Amino acid sequence: MGRITFIDSGQAERPADFSPGESVMTAAVNNNVAGIDGECGGELSCATCHVYLPESLAALVPPPSADELEMLEVVDDRRSGSRLGCQVRLAGSMDGMVVVVAGEGS
């Protein structure tokens, strides 16, 4: 078990417990993080789990797939570090990391 922190629109920190192998989206939904809806259930078809990863976390995960990059093209607030939370798997080494909810604490 690990814990990451989400930053929301009010710059409030929202800690979220996760199990290794779980996606950022699943951790957010399971911990009721505002702004992460995951409407498609992680099927890479809605972008309602758009987050910004800090460089330290982005370096620990594989780069986005072509399908993820295509979906990110439809978001208005894409920037460096933009990822779909459903495509980012968490590992124990990510304990303590911070993730910003896109369009929220940006």
C-alpha atoms as a PDB file:
ATOM      1  CA  MET A   1       0.000   0.000   0.000  1.00  0.00           C
ATOM      2  CA  GLY A   2       1.188   3.495  -0.805  1.00  0.00           C
ATOM      3  CA  ARG A   3      -0.113   7.026  -0.728  1.00  0.00           C
ATOM      4  CA  ILE A   4      -0.046   9.807  -3.293  1.00  0.00           C
ATOM      5  CA  THR A   5      -1.384  13.319  -2.921  1.00  0.00           C
ATOM      6  CA  PHE A   6      -3.696  15.021  -5.404  1.00  0.00           C
ATOM      7  CA  ILE A   7      -3.811  18.833  -5.623  1.00  0.00           C
ATOM      8  CA  ASP A   8      -7.296  20.176  -6.393  1.00  0.00           C
ATOM      9  CA  SER A   9      -8.698  23.485  -7.675  1.00  0.00           C
ATOM     10  CA  GLY A  10      -8.391  25.188  -4.316  1.00  0.00           C
ATOM     11  CA  GLN A  11      -4.768  24.070  -4.040  1.00  0.00           C
ATOM     12  CA  ALA A  12      -5.916  21.703  -1.294  1.00  0.00           C
ATOM     13  CA  GLU A  13      -4.031  18.475  -0.860  1.00  0.00           C
ATOM     14  CA  ARG A  14      -6.050  15.278  -1.021  1.00  0.00           C
ATOM     15  CA  PRO A  15      -4.126  12.168   0.111  1.00  0.00           C
ATOM     16  CA  ALA A  16      -5.118   8.934  -1.616  1.00  0.00           C
ATOM     17  CA  ASP A  17      -4.108   5.409  -0.702  1.00  0.00           C
ATOM     18  CA  PHE A  18      -3.231   3.036  -3.532  1.00  0.00           C
ATOM     19  CA  SER A  19      -2.188  -0.535  -4.129  1.00  0.00           C
ATOM     20  CA  PRO A  20       0.787  -1.194  -6.413  1.00  0.00           C
ATOM     21  CA  GLY A  21      -0.419  -1.883  -9.953  1.00  0.00           C
ATOM     22  CA  GLU A  22      -3.480   0.322  -9.549  1.00  0.00           C
ATOM     23  CA  SER A  23      -3.901   3.270 -11.915  1.00  0.00           C
ATOM     24  CA  VAL A  24      -3.785   6.910 -10.855  1.00  0.00           C
ATOM     25  CA  MET A  25      -7.422   7.158 -11.985  1.00  0.00           C
ATOM     26  CA  THR A  26      -8.532   4.207  -9.865  1.00  0.00           C
ATOM     27  CA  ALA A  27      -6.733   5.577  -6.810  1.00  0.00           C
ATOM     28  CA  ALA A  28      -8.440   8.953  -7.333  1.00  0.00           C
ATOM     29  CA  VAL A  29     -11.913   7.490  -7.853  1.00  0.00           C
ATOM     30  CA  ASN A  30     -11.561   5.121  -4.887  1.00  0.00           C
ATOM     31  CA  ASN A  31     -10.557   8.064  -2.689  1.00  0.00           C
ATOM     32  CA  ASN A  32     -13.258  10.458  -4.011  1.00  0.00           C
ATOM     33  CA  VAL A  33     -10.821  12.964  -5.516  1.00  0.00           C
ATOM     34  CA  ALA A  34     -12.790  15.809  -7.125  1.00  0.00           C
ATOM     35  CA  GLY A  35     -12.097  16.401 -10.810  1.00  0.00           C
ATOM     36  CA  ILE A  36     -11.189  12.798 -11.651  1.00  0.00           C
ATOM     37  CA  ASP A  37     -14.300  11.129 -13.018  1.00  0.00           C
ATOM     38  CA  GLY A  38     -12.971   8.228 -15.046  1.00  0.00           C
ATOM     39  CA  GLU A  39     -16.240   8.086 -16.982  1.00  0.00           C
ATOM     40  CA  CYS A  40     -14.992   5.434 -19.426  1.00  0.00           C
ATOM     41  CA  GLY A  41     -13.680   3.185 -16.657  1.00  0.00           C
ATOM     42  CA  GLY A  42     -10.119   3.349 -17.920  1.00  0.00           C
ATOM     43  CA  GLU A  43     -10.870   2.420 -21.529  1.00  0.00           C
ATOM     44  CA  LEU A  44      -8.933   5.386 -22.959  1.00  0.00           C
ATOM     45  CA  SER A  45     -11.967   7.082 -24.445  1.00  0.00           C
ATOM     46  CA  CYS A  46     -12.944  10.104 -22.343  1.00  0.00           C
ATOM     47  CA  ALA A  47      -9.950  12.028 -20.863  1.00  0.00           C
ATOM     48  CA  THR A  48     -11.888  12.706 -17.621  1.00  0.00           C
ATOM     49  CA  CYS A  49      -8.855  11.476 -15.687  1.00  0.00           C
ATOM     50  CA  HIS A  50      -6.420  14.057 -17.103  1.00  0.00           C
ATOM     51  CA  VAL A  51      -3.655  14.861 -14.622  1.00  0.00           C
ATOM     52  CA  TYR A  52      -0.281  16.588 -14.553  1.00  0.00           C
ATOM     53  CA  LEU A  53       2.633  14.472 -13.389  1.00  0.00           C
ATOM     54  CA  PRO A  54       5.744  16.096 -11.953  1.00  0.00           C
ATOM     55  CA  GLU A  55       8.988  15.181 -13.724  1.00  0.00           C
ATOM     56  CA  SER A  56       9.993  12.973 -10.788  1.00  0.00           C
ATOM     57  CA  LEU A  57       6.906  10.788 -11.252  1.00  0.00           C
ATOM     58  CA  ALA A  58       6.870  10.938 -15.057  1.00  0.00           C
ATOM     59  CA  ALA A  59      10.399   9.510 -15.054  1.00  0.00           C
ATOM     60  CA  LEU A  60       9.139   6.403 -13.234  1.00  0.00           C
ATOM     61  CA  VAL A  61       6.448   5.414 -15.739  1.00  0.00           C
ATOM     62  CA  PRO A  62       6.518   4.394 -19.402  1.00  0.00           C
ATOM     63  CA  PRO A  63       5.882   7.204 -21.903  1.00  0.00           C
ATOM     64  CA  PRO A  64       2.339   7.668 -23.203  1.00  0.00           C
ATOM     65  CA  SER A  65       1.180   5.354 -25.974  1.00  0.00           C
ATOM     66  CA  ALA A  66       0.097   6.668 -29.379  1.00  0.00           C
ATOM     67  CA  ASP A  67      -3.542   6.145 -28.330  1.00  0.00           C
ATOM     68  CA  GLU A  68      -3.057   8.142 -25.134  1.00  0.00           C
ATOM     69  CA  LEU A  69      -1.326  10.957 -27.039  1.00  0.00           C
ATOM     70  CA  GLU A  70      -4.224  11.032 -29.492  1.00  0.00           C
ATOM     71  CA  MET A  71      -6.736  11.332 -26.640  1.00  0.00           C
ATOM     72  CA  LEU A  72      -4.657  14.074 -24.987  1.00  0.00           C
ATOM     73  CA  GLU A  73      -4.988  16.119 -28.193  1.00  0.00           C
ATOM     74  CA  VAL A  74      -8.653  16.773 -27.327  1.00  0.00           C
ATOM     75  CA  VAL A  75      -8.018  18.318 -23.900  1.00  0.00           C
ATOM     76  CA  ASP A  76      -7.906  22.111 -23.693  1.00  0.00           C
ATOM     77  CA  ASP A  77      -5.384  22.357 -20.896  1.00  0.00           C
ATOM     78  CA  ARG A  78      -2.660  19.987 -22.092  1.00  0.00           C
ATOM     79  CA  ARG A  79       0.873  20.839 -21.019  1.00  0.00           C
ATOM     80  CA  SER A  80       4.157  19.197 -20.140  1.00  0.00           C
ATOM     81  CA  GLY A  81       3.452  16.337 -17.765  1.00  0.00           C
ATOM     82  CA  SER A  82      -0.102  15.782 -19.035  1.00  0.00           C
ATOM     83  CA  ARG A  83      -1.188  12.161 -18.758  1.00  0.00           C
ATOM     84  CA  LEU A  84      -4.407  10.215 -18.538  1.00  0.00           C
ATOM     85  CA  GLY A  85      -4.548   8.778 -15.052  1.00  0.00           C
ATOM     86  CA  CYS A  86      -6.054   5.541 -16.334  1.00  0.00           C
ATOM     87  CA  GLN A  87      -2.835   4.845 -18.229  1.00  0.00           C
ATOM     88  CA  VAL A  88      -0.410   5.454 -15.360  1.00  0.00           C
ATOM     89  CA  ARG A  89       0.172   2.446 -13.105  1.00  0.00           C
ATOM     90  CA  LEU A  90       1.368   3.129  -9.585  1.00  0.00           C
ATOM     91  CA  ALA A  91       4.240   1.310  -7.898  1.00  0.00           C
ATOM     92  CA  GLY A  92       5.428   1.265  -4.316  1.00  0.00           C
ATOM     93  CA  SER A  93       8.347   3.510  -5.297  1.00  0.00           C
ATOM     94  CA  MET A  94       5.805   6.250  -6.067  1.00  0.00           C
ATOM     95  CA  ASP A  95       4.692   6.536  -2.437  1.00  0.00           C
ATOM     96  CA  GLY A  96       4.600  10.199  -1.429  1.00  0.00           C
ATOM     97  CA  MET A  97       4.361  11.590  -4.968  1.00  0.00           C
ATOM     98  CA  VAL A  98       2.104  14.538  -5.829  1.00  0.00           C
ATOM     99  CA  VAL A  99      -0.278  14.661  -8.811  1.00  0.00           C
ATOM    100  CA  VAL A 100      -2.172  17.784  -9.935  1.00  0.00           C
ATOM    101  CA  VAL A 101      -5.719  17.352 -11.208  1.00  0.00           C
ATOM    102  CA  ALA A 102      -5.749  18.969 -14.681  1.00  0.00           C
ATOM    103  CA  GLY A 103      -7.856  22.067 -14.966  1.00  0.00           C
ATOM    104  CA  GLU A 104      -7.997  22.130 -11.194  1.00  0.00           C
ATOM    105  CA  GLY A 105      -4.817  23.122  -9.379  1.00  0.00           C
ATOM    106  CA  SER A 106      -3.010  24.151 -12.502  1.00  0.00           C
END
